[in-house]
Amino acid sequence: MSSGAAQAMIHAWLLNIRSIVFEGRELPKFLSILTGWGKHSKVVGDGALKRAIVKLLDGMGAPFRVAECNIGRFISTGALVAVWLRESGTLKVLILQDDRTQIESARLVHIPRLQTIPL
C-alpha cells in the first residue's frame, strides 16, 4: 500500500471509530495501527510508510505511540482514543480536503470584473 493510501485509510478508520464513539458504543480495550517495521528499507525500522504515519498521527495529535514489543505497530487504549475523538478540534483534522480547491477559490477572487460584449 502506498503512503498516501495508508494515510487516507487512517483518516477513514478514525472517522469510523469517531462515529462509534458518538453512538455511545464502547471501543475495544486497545487499538492498533500496523505499518510494518520497514524490513525492506535501507535502514531497518525506518520505512517510508511508518514515517508517513508517524507524521500524520503526530500532526493530528492522535494518542498513538509505538509499541514497545513491535516497532511497526502503533497502539493506544480505546478509552484514550475516545477522549481524543470527542475533543472539539478533532473532526476538523480527520476530514480530508482538497487543498487545491481552496487555492483555486482564492484565485477566483482576484479575477477582474468582466463585461459582456454585444455580438
PDB file of N, CA and C in Angstrom:
ATOM      1  N   MET A   1       0.847  -1.171   0.000  1.00  0.00           N
ATOM      2  CA  MET A   1       0.000   0.000   0.000  1.00  0.00           C
ATOM      3  C   MET A   1       0.893   1.235   0.000  1.00  0.00           C
ATOM      4  N   SER A   2       0.513   2.228  -0.762  1.00  0.00           N
ATOM      5  CA  SER A   2       1.290   3.471  -0.800  1.00  0.00           C
ATOM      6  C   SER A   2       1.077   4.258   0.489  1.00  0.00           C
ATOM      7  N   SER A   3       1.990   5.173   0.758  1.00  0.00           N
ATOM      8  CA  SER A   3       1.875   6.017   1.952  1.00  0.00           C
ATOM      9  C   SER A   3       0.607   6.861   1.906  1.00  0.00           C
ATOM     10  N   GLY A   4       0.292   7.407   0.738  1.00  0.00           N
ATOM     11  CA  GLY A   4      -0.908   8.230   0.598  1.00  0.00           C
ATOM     12  C   GLY A   4      -2.182   7.437   0.849  1.00  0.00           C
ATOM     13  N   ALA A   5      -2.243   6.221   0.306  1.00  0.00           N
ATOM     14  CA  ALA A   5      -3.418   5.371   0.529  1.00  0.00           C
ATOM     15  C   ALA A   5      -3.537   4.997   2.002  1.00  0.00           C
ATOM     16  N   ALA A   6      -2.415   4.711   2.631  1.00  0.00           N
ATOM     17  CA  ALA A   6      -2.422   4.365   4.059  1.00  0.00           C
ATOM     18  C   ALA A   6      -2.909   5.542   4.900  1.00  0.00           C
ATOM     19  N   GLN A   7      -2.476   6.736   4.560  1.00  0.00           N
ATOM     20  CA  GLN A   7      -2.915   7.920   5.302  1.00  0.00           C
ATOM     21  C   GLN A   7      -4.425   8.127   5.139  1.00  0.00           C
ATOM     22  N   ALA A   8      -4.926   7.946   3.931  1.00  0.00           N
ATOM     23  CA  ALA A   8      -6.369   8.079   3.698  1.00  0.00           C
ATOM     24  C   ALA A   8      -7.140   7.021   4.488  1.00  0.00           C
ATOM     25  N   MET A   9      -6.594   5.815   4.563  1.00  0.00           N
ATOM     26  CA  MET A   9      -7.238   4.746   5.332  1.00  0.00           C
ATOM     27  C   MET A   9      -7.267   5.075   6.823  1.00  0.00           C
ATOM     28  N   ILE A  10      -6.208   5.678   7.332  1.00  0.00           N
ATOM     29  CA  ILE A  10      -6.179   6.078   8.748  1.00  0.00           C
ATOM     30  C   ILE A  10      -7.285   7.106   9.005  1.00  0.00           C
ATOM     31  N   HIS A  11      -7.407   8.093   8.114  1.00  0.00           N
ATOM     32  CA  HIS A  11      -8.471   9.095   8.257  1.00  0.00           C
ATOM     33  C   HIS A  11      -9.845   8.414   8.276  1.00  0.00           C
ATOM     34  N   ALA A  12     -10.088   7.528   7.319  1.00  0.00           N
ATOM     35  CA  ALA A  12     -11.387   6.846   7.222  1.00  0.00           C
ATOM     36  C   ALA A  12     -11.646   5.991   8.460  1.00  0.00           C
ATOM     37  N   TRP A  13     -10.638   5.272   8.911  1.00  0.00           N
ATOM     38  CA  TRP A  13     -10.768   4.402  10.088  1.00  0.00           C
ATOM     39  C   TRP A  13     -11.087   5.223  11.329  1.00  0.00           C
ATOM     40  N   LEU A  14     -10.358   6.319  11.525  1.00  0.00           N
ATOM     41  CA  LEU A  14     -10.595   7.155  12.705  1.00  0.00           C
ATOM     42  C   LEU A  14     -11.971   7.830  12.649  1.00  0.00           C
ATOM     43  N   LEU A  15     -12.420   8.222  11.464  1.00  0.00           N
ATOM     44  CA  LEU A  15     -13.775   8.775  11.333  1.00  0.00           C
ATOM     45  C   LEU A  15     -14.829   7.723  11.682  1.00  0.00           C
ATOM     46  N   ASN A  16     -14.588   6.489  11.267  1.00  0.00           N
ATOM     47  CA  ASN A  16     -15.496   5.398  11.601  1.00  0.00           C
ATOM     48  C   ASN A  16     -15.520   5.168  13.114  1.00  0.00           C
ATOM     49  N   ILE A  17     -14.357   5.150  13.724  1.00  0.00           N
ATOM     50  CA  ILE A  17     -14.280   4.972  15.174  1.00  0.00           C
ATOM     51  C   ILE A  17     -14.974   6.136  15.879  1.00  0.00           C
ATOM     52  N   ARG A  18     -14.816   7.334  15.348  1.00  0.00           N
ATOM     53  CA  ARG A  18     -15.469   8.511  15.941  1.00  0.00           C
ATOM     54  C   ARG A  18     -16.985   8.342  15.935  1.00  0.00           C
ATOM     55  N   SER A  19     -17.534   7.838  14.833  1.00  0.00           N
ATOM     56  CA  SER A  19     -18.986   7.640  14.780  1.00  0.00           C
ATOM     57  C   SER A  19     -19.427   6.595  15.805  1.00  0.00           C
ATOM     58  N   ILE A  20     -18.621   5.578  16.023  1.00  0.00           N
ATOM     59  CA  ILE A  20     -18.918   4.563  17.043  1.00  0.00           C
ATOM     60  C   ILE A  20     -18.947   5.207  18.425  1.00  0.00           C
ATOM     61  N   VAL A  21     -17.975   6.064  18.698  1.00  0.00           N
ATOM     62  CA  VAL A  21     -17.903   6.755  19.990  1.00  0.00           C
ATOM     63  C   VAL A  21     -19.138   7.629  20.191  1.00  0.00           C
ATOM     64  N   PHE A  22     -19.523   8.384  19.157  1.00  0.00           N
ATOM     65  CA  PHE A  22     -20.659   9.291  19.292  1.00  0.00           C
ATOM     66  C   PHE A  22     -22.008   8.569  19.292  1.00  0.00           C
ATOM     67  N   GLU A  23     -22.021   7.297  18.924  1.00  0.00           N
ATOM     68  CA  GLU A  23     -23.227   6.478  19.063  1.00  0.00           C
ATOM     69  C   GLU A  23     -23.352   5.944  20.488  1.00  0.00           C
ATOM     70  N   GLY A  24     -22.335   6.199  21.304  1.00  0.00           N
ATOM     71  CA  GLY A  24     -22.360   5.749  22.691  1.00  0.00           C
ATOM     72  C   GLY A  24     -21.839   4.341  22.896  1.00  0.00           C
ATOM     73  N   ARG A  25     -21.278   3.761  21.851  1.00  0.00           N
ATOM     74  CA  ARG A  25     -20.737   2.402  21.968  1.00  0.00           C
ATOM     75  C   ARG A  25     -19.316   2.453  22.507  1.00  0.00           C
ATOM     76  N   GLU A  26     -18.910   1.376  23.131  1.00  0.00           N
ATOM     77  CA  GLU A  26     -17.582   1.301  23.738  1.00  0.00           C
ATOM     78  C   GLU A  26     -16.562   0.772  22.732  1.00  0.00           C
ATOM     79  N   LEU A  27     -15.372   1.348  22.758  1.00  0.00           N
ATOM     80  CA  LEU A  27     -14.287   0.876  21.896  1.00  0.00           C
ATOM     81  C   LEU A  27     -13.590  -0.305  22.559  1.00  0.00           C
ATOM     82  N   PRO A  28     -12.864  -1.101  21.774  1.00  0.00           N
ATOM     83  CA  PRO A  28     -12.075  -2.178  22.373  1.00  0.00           C
ATOM     84  C   PRO A  28     -11.057  -1.610  23.367  1.00  0.00           C
ATOM     85  N   LYS A  29     -10.558  -2.467  24.237  1.00  0.00           N
ATOM     86  CA  LYS A  29      -9.601  -2.031  25.257  1.00  0.00           C
ATOM     87  C   LYS A  29      -8.359  -1.410  24.617  1.00  0.00           C
ATOM     88  N   PHE A  30      -7.864  -2.016  23.533  1.00  0.00           N
ATOM     89  CA  PHE A  30      -6.685  -1.499  22.832  1.00  0.00           C
ATOM     90  C   PHE A  30      -6.976  -1.369  21.343  1.00  0.00           C
ATOM     91  N   LEU A  31      -6.412  -0.337  20.728  1.00  0.00           N
ATOM     92  CA  LEU A  31      -6.486  -0.135  19.281  1.00  0.00           C
ATOM     93  C   LEU A  31      -5.059  -0.106  18.754  1.00  0.00           C
ATOM     94  N   SER A  32      -4.864  -0.632  17.558  1.00  0.00           N
ATOM     95  CA  SER A  32      -3.514  -0.602  16.996  1.00  0.00           C
ATOM     96  C   SER A  32      -3.548  -0.348  15.501  1.00  0.00           C
ATOM     97  N   ILE A  33      -2.471   0.240  15.039  1.00  0.00           N
ATOM     98  CA  ILE A  33      -2.247   0.519  13.620  1.00  0.00           C
ATOM     99  C   ILE A  33      -0.950  -0.190  13.260  1.00  0.00           C
ATOM    100  N   LEU A  34      -1.011  -1.088  12.310  1.00  0.00           N
ATOM    101  CA  LEU A  34       0.162  -1.856  11.913  1.00  0.00           C
ATOM    102  C   LEU A  34       0.719  -1.305  10.608  1.00  0.00           C
ATOM    103  N   THR A  35       1.954  -0.819  10.654  1.00  0.00           N
ATOM    104  CA  THR A  35       2.604  -0.296   9.449  1.00  0.00           C
ATOM    105  C   THR A  35       3.698  -1.225   8.948  1.00  0.00           C
ATOM    106  N   GLY A  36       4.136  -2.114   9.789  1.00  0.00           N
ATOM    107  CA  GLY A  36       5.327  -2.901   9.490  1.00  0.00           C
ATOM    108  C   GLY A  36       6.543  -2.111   9.934  1.00  0.00           C
ATOM    109  N   TRP A  37       7.641  -2.784  10.101  1.00  0.00           N
ATOM    110  CA  TRP A  37       8.826  -2.108  10.634  1.00  0.00           C
ATOM    111  C   TRP A  37       9.841  -1.727   9.572  1.00  0.00           C
ATOM    112  N   GLY A  38       9.507  -1.904   8.326  1.00  0.00           N
ATOM    113  CA  GLY A  38      10.382  -1.452   7.251  1.00  0.00           C
ATOM    114  C   GLY A  38      11.558  -2.370   6.994  1.00  0.00           C
ATOM    115  N   LYS A  39      11.322  -3.676   7.013  1.00  0.00           N
ATOM    116  CA  LYS A  39      12.441  -4.612   6.845  1.00  0.00           C
ATOM    117  C   LYS A  39      13.082  -4.507   5.465  1.00  0.00           C
ATOM    118  N   HIS A  40      12.366  -3.972   4.486  1.00  0.00           N
ATOM    119  CA  HIS A  40      12.935  -3.819   3.144  1.00  0.00           C
ATOM    120  C   HIS A  40      13.504  -2.423   2.910  1.00  0.00           C
ATOM    121  N   SER A  41      13.485  -1.593   3.925  1.00  0.00           N
ATOM    122  CA  SER A  41      14.015  -0.235   3.804  1.00  0.00           C
ATOM    123  C   SER A  41      15.530  -0.252   3.897  1.00  0.00           C
ATOM    124  N   LYS A  42      16.148   0.832   3.448  1.00  0.00           N
ATOM    125  CA  LYS A  42      17.605   0.937   3.535  1.00  0.00           C
ATOM    126  C   LYS A  42      18.065   0.864   4.981  1.00  0.00           C
ATOM    127  N   VAL A  43      17.291   1.488   5.860  1.00  0.00           N
ATOM    128  CA  VAL A  43      17.573   1.430   7.293  1.00  0.00           C
ATOM    129  C   VAL A  43      16.424   0.658   7.930  1.00  0.00           C
ATOM    130  N   VAL A  44      16.716  -0.514   8.468  1.00  0.00           N
ATOM    131  CA  VAL A  44      15.679  -1.350   9.067  1.00  0.00           C
ATOM    132  C   VAL A  44      15.002  -0.591  10.204  1.00  0.00           C
ATOM    133  N   GLY A  45      13.678  -0.588  10.196  1.00  0.00           N
ATOM    134  CA  GLY A  45      12.912   0.105  11.226  1.00  0.00           C
ATOM    135  C   GLY A  45      12.546   1.527  10.852  1.00  0.00           C
ATOM    136  N   ASP A  46      12.978   1.967   9.664  1.00  0.00           N
ATOM    137  CA  ASP A  46      12.724   3.344   9.242  1.00  0.00           C
ATOM    138  C   ASP A  46      12.079   3.357   7.857  1.00  0.00           C
ATOM    139  N   GLY A  47      10.973   2.642   7.716  1.00  0.00           N
ATOM    140  CA  GLY A  47      10.288   2.570   6.433  1.00  0.00           C
ATOM    141  C   GLY A  47       9.527   3.842   6.104  1.00  0.00           C
ATOM    142  N   ALA A  48       9.324   4.077   4.816  1.00  0.00           N
ATOM    143  CA  ALA A  48       8.620   5.280   4.353  1.00  0.00           C
ATOM    144  C   ALA A  48       7.180   5.307   4.858  1.00  0.00           C
ATOM    145  N   LEU A  49       6.520   4.162   4.868  1.00  0.00           N
ATOM    146  CA  LEU A  49       5.137   4.099   5.337  1.00  0.00           C
ATOM    147  C   LEU A  49       5.055   4.461   6.821  1.00  0.00           C
ATOM    148  N   LYS A  50       5.948   3.893   7.597  1.00  0.00           N
ATOM    149  CA  LYS A  50       5.955   4.183   9.037  1.00  0.00           C
ATOM    150  C   LYS A  50       6.207   5.671   9.285  1.00  0.00           C
ATOM    151  N   ARG A  51       7.166   6.251   8.570  1.00  0.00           N
ATOM    152  CA  ARG A  51       7.458   7.691   8.732  1.00  0.00           C
ATOM    153  C   ARG A  51       6.241   8.540   8.392  1.00  0.00           C
ATOM    154  N   ALA A  52       5.538   8.180   7.319  1.00  0.00           N
ATOM    155  CA  ALA A  52       4.351   8.943   6.906  1.00  0.00           C
ATOM    156  C   ALA A  52       3.252   8.858   7.966  1.00  0.00           C
ATOM    157  N   ILE A  53       3.071   7.686   8.548  1.00  0.00           N
ATOM    158  CA  ILE A  53       2.026   7.515   9.563  1.00  0.00           C
ATOM    159  C   ILE A  53       2.408   8.226  10.858  1.00  0.00           C
ATOM    160  N   VAL A  54       3.684   8.199  11.221  1.00  0.00           N
ATOM    161  CA  VAL A  54       4.145   8.950  12.406  1.00  0.00           C
ATOM    162  C   VAL A  54       3.827  10.428  12.226  1.00  0.00           C
ATOM    163  N   LYS A  55       4.165  10.956  11.059  1.00  0.00           N
ATOM    164  CA  LYS A  55       3.921  12.376  10.779  1.00  0.00           C
ATOM    165  C   LYS A  55       2.426  12.693  10.825  1.00  0.00           C
ATOM    166  N   LEU A  56       1.614  11.822  10.249  1.00  0.00           N
ATOM    167  CA  LEU A  56       0.166  12.021  10.241  1.00  0.00           C
ATOM    168  C   LEU A  56      -0.397  12.011  11.662  1.00  0.00           C
ATOM    169  N   LEU A  57      -0.061  10.984  12.429  1.00  0.00           N
ATOM    170  CA  LEU A  57      -0.597  10.862  13.790  1.00  0.00           C
ATOM    171  C   LEU A  57      -0.130  12.008  14.679  1.00  0.00           C
ATOM    172  N   ASP A  58       1.141  12.371  14.559  1.00  0.00           N
ATOM    173  CA  ASP A  58       1.659  13.499  15.349  1.00  0.00           C
ATOM    174  C   ASP A  58       0.962  14.799  14.957  1.00  0.00           C
ATOM    175  N   GLY A  59       0.758  15.000  13.655  1.00  0.00           N
ATOM    176  CA  GLY A  59       0.102  16.210  13.174  1.00  0.00           C
ATOM    177  C   GLY A  59      -1.341  16.327  13.640  1.00  0.00           C
ATOM    178  N   MET A  60      -1.992  15.191  13.817  1.00  0.00           N
ATOM    179  CA  MET A  60      -3.375  15.173  14.299  1.00  0.00           C
ATOM    180  C   MET A  60      -3.455  15.314  15.818  1.00  0.00           C
ATOM    181  N   GLY A  61      -2.341  15.032  16.472  1.00  0.00           N
ATOM    182  CA  GLY A  61      -2.366  14.987  17.936  1.00  0.00           C
ATOM    183  C   GLY A  61      -2.997  13.700  18.441  1.00  0.00           C
ATOM    184  N   ALA A  62      -2.989  12.664  17.607  1.00  0.00           N
ATOM    185  CA  ALA A  62      -3.593  11.379  17.972  1.00  0.00           C
ATOM    186  C   ALA A  62      -2.784  10.712  19.085  1.00  0.00           C
ATOM    187  N   PRO A  63      -3.460  10.021  20.001  1.00  0.00           N
ATOM    188  CA  PRO A  63      -2.786   9.455  21.177  1.00  0.00           C
ATOM    189  C   PRO A  63      -2.126   8.094  20.953  1.00  0.00           C
ATOM    190  N   PHE A  64      -1.654   7.824  19.755  1.00  0.00           N
ATOM    191  CA  PHE A  64      -0.996   6.549  19.481  1.00  0.00           C
ATOM    192  C   PHE A  64       0.506   6.677  19.704  1.00  0.00           C
ATOM    193  N   ARG A  65       1.124   5.571  20.140  1.00  0.00           N
ATOM    194  CA  ARG A  65       2.580   5.531  20.334  1.00  0.00           C
ATOM    195  C   ARG A  65       3.093   4.205  19.790  1.00  0.00           C
ATOM    196  N   VAL A  66       4.376   4.159  19.517  1.00  0.00           N
ATOM    197  CA  VAL A  66       4.982   2.928  19.016  1.00  0.00           C
ATOM    198  C   VAL A  66       4.967   1.885  20.131  1.00  0.00           C
ATOM    199  N   ALA A  67       4.554   0.678  19.794  1.00  0.00           N
ATOM    200  CA  ALA A  67       4.515  -0.416  20.770  1.00  0.00           C
ATOM    201  C   ALA A  67       5.934  -0.825  21.146  1.00  0.00           C
ATOM    202  N   GLU A  68       6.160  -1.115  22.409  1.00  0.00           N
ATOM    203  CA  GLU A  68       7.496  -1.499  22.876  1.00  0.00           C
ATOM    204  C   GLU A  68       7.958  -2.812  22.255  1.00  0.00           C
ATOM    205  N   CYS A  69       7.043  -3.736  22.051  1.00  0.00           N
ATOM    206  CA  CYS A  69       7.424  -5.059  21.553  1.00  0.00           C
ATOM    207  C   CYS A  69       7.410  -5.165  20.028  1.00  0.00           C
ATOM    208  N   ASN A  70       6.954  -4.110  19.333  1.00  0.00           N
ATOM    209  CA  ASN A  70       6.852  -4.167  17.875  1.00  0.00           C
ATOM    210  C   ASN A  70       6.966  -2.754  17.315  1.00  0.00           C
ATOM    211  N   ILE A  71       8.118  -2.415  16.752  1.00  0.00           N
ATOM    212  CA  ILE A  71       8.342  -1.050  16.265  1.00  0.00           C
ATOM    213  C   ILE A  71       7.526  -0.713  15.020  1.00  0.00           C
ATOM    214  N   GLY A  72       6.832  -1.685  14.469  1.00  0.00           N
ATOM    215  CA  GLY A  72       5.975  -1.454  13.310  1.00  0.00           C
ATOM    216  C   GLY A  72       4.506  -1.358  13.674  1.00  0.00           C
ATOM    217  N   ARG A  73       4.217  -1.174  14.957  1.00  0.00           N
ATOM    218  CA  ARG A  73       2.826  -1.099  15.425  1.00  0.00           C
ATOM    219  C   ARG A  73       2.658   0.117  16.325  1.00  0.00           C
ATOM    220  N   PHE A  74       1.579   0.863  16.090  1.00  0.00           N
ATOM    221  CA  PHE A  74       1.217   1.991  16.948  1.00  0.00           C
ATOM    222  C   PHE A  74       0.020   1.550  17.777  1.00  0.00           C
ATOM    223  N   ILE A  75       0.053   1.839  19.074  1.00  0.00           N
ATOM    224  CA  ILE A  75      -1.018   1.396  19.958  1.00  0.00           C
ATOM    225  C   ILE A  75      -1.550   2.549  20.805  1.00  0.00           C
ATOM    226  N   SER A  76      -2.765   2.363  21.275  1.00  0.00           N
ATOM    227  CA  SER A  76      -3.383   3.278  22.228  1.00  0.00           C
ATOM    228  C   SER A  76      -4.524   2.530  22.895  1.00  0.00           C
ATOM    229  N   THR A  77      -4.968   3.028  24.009  1.00  0.00           N
ATOM    230  CA  THR A  77      -6.145   2.432  24.642  1.00  0.00           C
ATOM    231  C   THR A  77      -7.393   2.996  23.975  1.00  0.00           C
ATOM    232  N   GLY A  78      -8.435   2.189  23.956  1.00  0.00           N
ATOM    233  CA  GLY A  78      -9.700   2.650  23.396  1.00  0.00           C
ATOM    234  C   GLY A  78     -10.240   3.858  24.142  1.00  0.00           C
ATOM    235  N   ALA A  79     -10.069   3.849  25.465  1.00  0.00           N
ATOM    236  CA  ALA A  79     -10.569   4.965  26.280  1.00  0.00           C
ATOM    237  C   ALA A  79      -9.868   6.270  25.922  1.00  0.00           C
ATOM    238  N   LEU A  80      -8.556   6.223  25.736  1.00  0.00           N
ATOM    239  CA  LEU A  80      -7.794   7.427  25.400  1.00  0.00           C
ATOM    240  C   LEU A  80      -8.167   7.944  24.009  1.00  0.00           C
ATOM    241  N   VAL A  81      -8.341   7.038  23.059  1.00  0.00           N
ATOM    242  CA  VAL A  81      -8.744   7.434  21.707  1.00  0.00           C
ATOM    243  C   VAL A  81     -10.147   8.046  21.736  1.00  0.00           C
ATOM    244  N   ALA A  82     -11.045   7.471  22.530  1.00  0.00           N
ATOM    245  CA  ALA A  82     -12.409   8.003  22.634  1.00  0.00           C
ATOM    246  C   ALA A  82     -12.402   9.431  23.172  1.00  0.00           C
ATOM    247  N   VAL A  83     -11.594   9.686  24.187  1.00  0.00           N
ATOM    248  CA  VAL A  83     -11.493  11.045  24.743  1.00  0.00           C
ATOM    249  C   VAL A  83     -10.980  12.001  23.673  1.00  0.00           C
ATOM    250  N   TRP A  84      -9.946  11.590  22.942  1.00  0.00           N
ATOM    251  CA  TRP A  84      -9.371  12.433  21.887  1.00  0.00           C
ATOM    252  C   TRP A  84     -10.400  12.710  20.785  1.00  0.00           C
ATOM    253  N   LEU A  85     -11.150  11.688  20.390  1.00  0.00           N
ATOM    254  CA  LEU A  85     -12.139  11.851  19.325  1.00  0.00           C
ATOM    255  C   LEU A  85     -13.281  12.781  19.727  1.00  0.00           C
ATOM    256  N   ARG A  86     -13.539  12.912  21.012  1.00  0.00           N
ATOM    257  CA  ARG A  86     -14.601  13.804  21.491  1.00  0.00           C
ATOM    258  C   ARG A  86     -14.147  15.263  21.576  1.00  0.00           C
ATOM    259  N   GLU A  87     -12.848  15.507  21.483  1.00  0.00           N
ATOM    260  CA  GLU A  87     -12.351  16.886  21.558  1.00  0.00           C
ATOM    261  C   GLU A  87     -12.894  17.695  20.380  1.00  0.00           C
ATOM    262  N   SER A  88     -13.109  18.966  20.614  1.00  0.00           N
ATOM    263  CA  SER A  88     -13.784  19.815  19.627  1.00  0.00           C
ATOM    264  C   SER A  88     -13.041  19.945  18.294  1.00  0.00           C
ATOM    265  N   GLY A  89     -11.732  19.976  18.286  1.00  0.00           N
ATOM    266  CA  GLY A  89     -10.997  20.189  17.045  1.00  0.00           C
ATOM    267  C   GLY A  89     -10.653  18.931  16.277  1.00  0.00           C
ATOM    268  N   THR A  90     -10.969  17.770  16.827  1.00  0.00           N
ATOM    269  CA  THR A  90     -10.544  16.516  16.202  1.00  0.00           C
ATOM    270  C   THR A  90     -11.211  16.265  14.856  1.00  0.00           C
ATOM    271  N   LEU A  91     -12.497  16.538  14.743  1.00  0.00           N
ATOM    272  CA  LEU A  91     -13.191  16.282  13.477  1.00  0.00           C
ATOM    273  C   LEU A  91     -12.542  17.041  12.329  1.00  0.00           C
ATOM    274  N   LYS A  92     -12.136  18.257  12.586  1.00  0.00           N
ATOM    275  CA  LYS A  92     -11.520  19.081  11.538  1.00  0.00           C
ATOM    276  C   LYS A  92     -10.237  18.441  10.992  1.00  0.00           C
ATOM    277  N   VAL A  93      -9.445  17.804  11.849  1.00  0.00           N
ATOM    278  CA  VAL A  93      -8.199  17.186  11.371  1.00  0.00           C
ATOM    279  C   VAL A  93      -8.439  15.827  10.724  1.00  0.00           C
ATOM    280  N   LEU A  94      -9.605  15.242  10.959  1.00  0.00           N
ATOM    281  CA  LEU A  94      -9.895  13.933  10.377  1.00  0.00           C
ATOM    282  C   LEU A  94     -10.484  14.015   8.977  1.00  0.00           C
ATOM    283  N   ILE A  95     -11.208  15.086   8.680  1.00  0.00           N
ATOM    284  CA  ILE A  95     -11.861  15.206   7.374  1.00  0.00           C
ATOM    285  C   ILE A  95     -10.837  15.624   6.324  1.00  0.00           C
ATOM    286  N   LEU A  96     -10.749  14.828   5.275  1.00  0.00           N
ATOM    287  CA  LEU A  96      -9.819  15.132   4.190  1.00  0.00           C
ATOM    288  C   LEU A  96     -10.398  16.222   3.301  1.00  0.00           C
ATOM    289  N   GLN A  97      -9.515  17.096   2.822  1.00  0.00           N
ATOM    290  CA  GLN A  97      -9.921  18.183   1.939  1.00  0.00           C
ATOM    291  C   GLN A  97      -8.935  18.278   0.790  1.00  0.00           C
ATOM    292  N   ASP A  98      -9.408  18.806  -0.306  1.00  0.00           N
ATOM    293  CA  ASP A  98      -8.543  19.058  -1.447  1.00  0.00           C
ATOM    294  C   ASP A  98      -8.033  20.486  -1.326  1.00  0.00           C
ATOM    295  N   ASP A  99      -6.773  20.644  -0.968  1.00  0.00           N
ATOM    296  CA  ASP A  99      -6.204  21.980  -0.790  1.00  0.00           C
ATOM    297  C   ASP A  99      -6.220  22.784  -2.082  1.00  0.00           C
ATOM    298  N   ARG A 100      -6.143  22.117  -3.228  1.00  0.00           N
ATOM    299  CA  ARG A 100      -6.161  22.841  -4.496  1.00  0.00           C
ATOM    300  C   ARG A 100      -7.462  23.603  -4.665  1.00  0.00           C
ATOM    301  N   THR A 101      -8.557  23.051  -4.193  1.00  0.00           N
ATOM    302  CA  THR A 101      -9.851  23.719  -4.303  1.00  0.00           C
ATOM    303  C   THR A 101      -9.814  25.054  -3.586  1.00  0.00           C
ATOM    304  N   GLN A 102      -9.221  25.082  -2.410  1.00  0.00           N
ATOM    305  CA  GLN A 102      -9.133  26.320  -1.651  1.00  0.00           C
ATOM    306  C   GLN A 102      -8.249  27.331  -2.372  1.00  0.00           C
ATOM    307  N   ILE A 103      -7.174  26.884  -2.978  1.00  0.00           N
ATOM    308  CA  ILE A 103      -6.272  27.776  -3.716  1.00  0.00           C
ATOM    309  C   ILE A 103      -6.994  28.338  -4.937  1.00  0.00           C
ATOM    310  N   GLU A 104      -7.700  27.476  -5.664  1.00  0.00           N
ATOM    311  CA  GLU A 104      -8.432  27.929  -6.850  1.00  0.00           C
ATOM    312  C   GLU A 104      -9.504  28.942  -6.461  1.00  0.00           C
ATOM    313  N   SER A 105     -10.187  28.722  -5.353  1.00  0.00           N
ATOM    314  CA  SER A 105     -11.210  29.669  -4.895  1.00  0.00           C
ATOM    315  C   SER A 105     -10.589  31.021  -4.602  1.00  0.00           C
ATOM    316  N   ALA A 106      -9.415  31.017  -4.013  1.00  0.00           N
ATOM    317  CA  ALA A 106      -8.732  32.275  -3.694  1.00  0.00           C
ATOM    318  C   ALA A 106      -8.347  33.006  -4.978  1.00  0.00           C
ATOM    319  N   ARG A 107      -7.955  32.273  -6.002  1.00  0.00           N
ATOM    320  CA  ARG A 107      -7.583  32.895  -7.271  1.00  0.00           C
ATOM    321  C   ARG A 107      -8.788  33.538  -7.944  1.00  0.00           C
ATOM    322  N   LEU A 108      -9.946  32.935  -7.819  1.00  0.00           N
ATOM    323  CA  LEU A 108     -11.146  33.472  -8.455  1.00  0.00           C
ATOM    324  C   LEU A 108     -11.525  34.828  -7.889  1.00  0.00           C
ATOM    325  N   VAL A 109     -11.181  35.085  -6.671  1.00  0.00           N
ATOM    326  CA  VAL A 109     -11.491  36.367  -6.045  1.00  0.00           C
ATOM    327  C   VAL A 109     -10.757  37.496  -6.761  1.00  0.00           C
ATOM    328  N   HIS A 110      -9.611  37.231  -7.339  1.00  0.00           N
ATOM    329  CA  HIS A 110      -8.772  38.254  -7.946  1.00  0.00           C
ATOM    330  C   HIS A 110      -9.035  38.458  -9.439  1.00  0.00           C
ATOM    331  N   ILE A 111     -10.043  37.806  -9.977  1.00  0.00           N
ATOM    332  CA  ILE A 111     -10.362  37.991 -11.395  1.00  0.00           C
ATOM    333  C   ILE A 111     -11.008  39.363 -11.559  1.00  0.00           C
ATOM    334  N   PRO A 112     -10.528  40.159 -12.529  1.00  0.00           N
ATOM    335  CA  PRO A 112     -11.118  41.486 -12.733  1.00  0.00           C
ATOM    336  C   PRO A 112     -12.567  41.349 -13.208  1.00  0.00           C
ATOM    337  N   ARG A 113     -13.311  42.421 -13.043  1.00  0.00           N
ATOM    338  CA  ARG A 113     -14.714  42.402 -13.470  1.00  0.00           C
ATOM    339  C   ARG A 113     -14.782  42.214 -14.979  1.00  0.00           C
ATOM    340  N   LEU A 114     -15.569  41.275 -15.386  1.00  0.00           N
ATOM    341  CA  LEU A 114     -15.740  41.004 -16.811  1.00  0.00           C
ATOM    342  C   LEU A 114     -17.001  41.701 -17.303  1.00  0.00           C
ATOM    343  N   GLN A 115     -16.951  42.160 -18.541  1.00  0.00           N
ATOM    344  CA  GLN A 115     -18.105  42.832 -19.129  1.00  0.00           C
ATOM    345  C   GLN A 115     -18.557  42.054 -20.351  1.00  0.00           C
ATOM    346  N   THR A 116     -19.843  42.089 -20.592  1.00  0.00           N
ATOM    347  CA  THR A 116     -20.360  41.421 -21.782  1.00  0.00           C
ATOM    348  C   THR A 116     -20.111  42.298 -22.999  1.00  0.00           C
ATOM    349  N   ILE A 117     -19.849  41.669 -24.096  1.00  0.00           N
ATOM    350  CA  ILE A 117     -19.618  42.381 -25.358  1.00  0.00           C
ATOM    351  C   ILE A 117     -20.727  41.968 -26.317  1.00  0.00           C
ATOM    352  N   PRO A 118     -21.468  42.942 -26.855  1.00  0.00           N
ATOM    353  CA  PRO A 118     -22.533  42.579 -27.803  1.00  0.00           C
ATOM    354  C   PRO A 118     -21.911  42.031 -29.085  1.00  0.00           C
ATOM    355  N   LEU A 119     -22.550  41.029 -29.635  1.00  0.00           N
ATOM    356  CA  LEU A 119     -22.062  40.432 -30.887  1.00  0.00           C
ATOM    357  C   LEU A 119     -22.806  40.953 -32.079  1.00  0.00           C
TER     358      LEU A 119
END
